[in-house]
Amino acid sequence: MLTVGAEVLSAGTMDFTADGTALIYEARNRLSLIDGSSDDAWSIYALDLADETTLALVPPVAGLDIANPALSQTSDHFLVFDV
């Protein structure tokens, strides 16, 4: 399904990077679909704590829930999540 927009409704599981500069979290999104309907989907974001910018690491996809992010205990270069 094609989307025309998304609104973050709430946040869930969160994990800080080892250096404390970013917060990785899951968020429930309300997607506005091209046919005029809406759908909720979970996705994963990163919040840069220094400049408060947000990056969609795994953007929301209609019909798909991507959740429970966790960073590796030995390196921030590895992120696991449920699909």
C-alpha atoms as a PDB file:
ATOM      1  CA  MET A   1       0.000   0.000   0.000  1.00  0.00           C
ATOM      2  CA  LEU A   2       1.261   3.469  -0.829  1.00  0.00           C
ATOM      3  CA  THR A   3       1.356   6.106   1.895  1.00  0.00           C
ATOM      4  CA  VAL A   4       1.065   9.871   1.667  1.00  0.00           C
ATOM      5  CA  GLY A   5       2.143  10.656   5.228  1.00  0.00           C
ATOM      6  CA  ALA A   6       2.793   9.385   8.735  1.00  0.00           C
ATOM      7  CA  GLU A   7       2.219  10.729  12.238  1.00  0.00           C
ATOM      8  CA  VAL A   8       4.009   9.324  15.304  1.00  0.00           C
ATOM      9  CA  LEU A   9       1.431   8.416  17.960  1.00  0.00           C
ATOM     10  CA  SER A  10       3.558   6.925  20.743  1.00  0.00           C
ATOM     11  CA  ALA A  11       6.957   5.491  21.585  1.00  0.00           C
ATOM     12  CA  GLY A  12       7.765   2.118  23.093  1.00  0.00           C
ATOM     13  CA  THR A  13      11.001   0.190  23.603  1.00  0.00           C
ATOM     14  CA  MET A  14      14.088   2.417  23.869  1.00  0.00           C
ATOM     15  CA  ASP A  15      17.857   1.860  23.970  1.00  0.00           C
ATOM     16  CA  PHE A  16      20.700   4.384  24.353  1.00  0.00           C
ATOM     17  CA  THR A  17      23.888   4.131  22.322  1.00  0.00           C
ATOM     18  CA  ALA A  18      26.983   3.236  24.372  1.00  0.00           C
ATOM     19  CA  ASP A  19      28.334   6.791  24.121  1.00  0.00           C
ATOM     20  CA  GLY A  20      24.983   8.257  25.192  1.00  0.00           C
ATOM     21  CA  THR A  21      24.648  10.493  22.145  1.00  0.00           C
ATOM     22  CA  ALA A  22      21.542   8.876  20.646  1.00  0.00           C
ATOM     23  CA  LEU A  23      18.339   7.158  21.680  1.00  0.00           C
ATOM     24  CA  ILE A  24      17.032   4.323  19.491  1.00  0.00           C
ATOM     25  CA  TYR A  25      13.301   3.702  19.884  1.00  0.00           C
ATOM     26  CA  GLU A  26      10.232   2.126  18.341  1.00  0.00           C
ATOM     27  CA  ALA A  27       7.218   4.271  17.530  1.00  0.00           C
ATOM     28  CA  ARG A  28       3.632   3.557  16.583  1.00  0.00           C
ATOM     29  CA  ASN A  29       2.716   5.565  13.484  1.00  0.00           C
ATOM     30  CA  ARG A  30      -0.610   6.415  11.912  1.00  0.00           C
ATOM     31  CA  LEU A  31      -0.122   6.163   8.162  1.00  0.00           C
ATOM     32  CA  SER A  32      -2.309   8.068   5.726  1.00  0.00           C
ATOM     33  CA  LEU A  33      -2.779   5.805   2.726  1.00  0.00           C
ATOM     34  CA  ILE A  34      -3.196   6.997  -0.840  1.00  0.00           C
ATOM     35  CA  ASP A  35      -6.758   5.608  -0.977  1.00  0.00           C
ATOM     36  CA  GLY A  36      -7.775   7.912   1.912  1.00  0.00           C
ATOM     37  CA  SER A  37      -7.768   5.228   4.617  1.00  0.00           C
ATOM     38  CA  SER A  38      -5.301   4.957   7.488  1.00  0.00           C
ATOM     39  CA  ASP A  39      -3.266   2.177   9.098  1.00  0.00           C
ATOM     40  CA  ASP A  40      -1.102   1.940  12.216  1.00  0.00           C
ATOM     41  CA  ALA A  41       2.404   0.505  11.936  1.00  0.00           C
ATOM     42  CA  TRP A  42       5.453   0.281  14.211  1.00  0.00           C
ATOM     43  CA  SER A  43       8.870   1.475  13.010  1.00  0.00           C
ATOM     44  CA  ILE A  44      12.288   2.393  14.437  1.00  0.00           C
ATOM     45  CA  TYR A  45      13.822   5.850  14.895  1.00  0.00           C
ATOM     46  CA  ALA A  46      17.022   7.393  16.265  1.00  0.00           C
ATOM     47  CA  LEU A  47      17.021  10.652  18.216  1.00  0.00           C
ATOM     48  CA  ASP A  48      20.298  12.598  18.265  1.00  0.00           C
ATOM     49  CA  LEU A  49      20.365  13.981  21.801  1.00  0.00           C
ATOM     50  CA  ALA A  50      22.784  16.822  20.992  1.00  0.00           C
ATOM     51  CA  ASP A  51      20.786  18.527  18.252  1.00  0.00           C
ATOM     52  CA  GLU A  52      17.394  16.809  18.786  1.00  0.00           C
ATOM     53  CA  THR A  53      17.099  15.605  15.184  1.00  0.00           C
ATOM     54  CA  THR A  54      15.208  12.405  14.425  1.00  0.00           C
ATOM     55  CA  LEU A  55      16.144   9.852  11.776  1.00  0.00           C
ATOM     56  CA  ALA A  56      13.913   7.003  10.619  1.00  0.00           C
ATOM     57  CA  LEU A  57      16.242   3.980  10.786  1.00  0.00           C
ATOM     58  CA  VAL A  58      13.463   1.649   9.595  1.00  0.00           C
ATOM     59  CA  PRO A  59      10.589   3.754   8.220  1.00  0.00           C
ATOM     60  CA  PRO A  60       6.963   2.732   8.765  1.00  0.00           C
ATOM     61  CA  VAL A  61       5.456   0.371   6.201  1.00  0.00           C
ATOM     62  CA  ALA A  62       1.712  -0.194   5.967  1.00  0.00           C
ATOM     63  CA  GLY A  63       0.765  -3.687   7.119  1.00  0.00           C
ATOM     64  CA  LEU A  64       4.156  -4.346   8.729  1.00  0.00           C
ATOM     65  CA  ASP A  65       5.186  -3.894  12.379  1.00  0.00           C
ATOM     66  CA  ILE A  66       8.905  -3.407  13.013  1.00  0.00           C
ATOM     67  CA  ALA A  67       9.559  -3.194  16.749  1.00  0.00           C
ATOM     68  CA  ASN A  68      11.638  -4.013  19.844  1.00  0.00           C
ATOM     69  CA  PRO A  69      14.962  -2.446  18.806  1.00  0.00           C
ATOM     70  CA  ALA A  70      18.071  -3.443  20.765  1.00  0.00           C
ATOM     71  CA  LEU A  71      21.669  -2.421  20.217  1.00  0.00           C
ATOM     72  CA  SER A  72      24.478  -4.942  20.510  1.00  0.00           C
ATOM     73  CA  GLN A  73      26.146  -5.051  23.917  1.00  0.00           C
ATOM     74  CA  THR A  74      29.615  -4.892  22.318  1.00  0.00           C
ATOM     75  CA  SER A  75      29.088  -2.355  19.512  1.00  0.00           C
ATOM     76  CA  ASP A  76      26.540   0.236  18.423  1.00  0.00           C
ATOM     77  CA  HIS A  77      27.099  -0.940  14.842  1.00  0.00           C
ATOM     78  CA  PHE A  78      24.581  -3.766  15.281  1.00  0.00           C
ATOM     79  CA  LEU A  79      20.841  -3.294  15.756  1.00  0.00           C
ATOM     80  CA  VAL A  80      18.351  -6.122  16.054  1.00  0.00           C
ATOM     81  CA  PHE A  81      14.560  -5.859  15.931  1.00  0.00           C
ATOM     82  CA  ASP A  82      11.394  -7.908  15.440  1.00  0.00           C
ATOM     83  CA  VAL A  83       9.401  -7.917  12.200  1.00  0.00           C
END
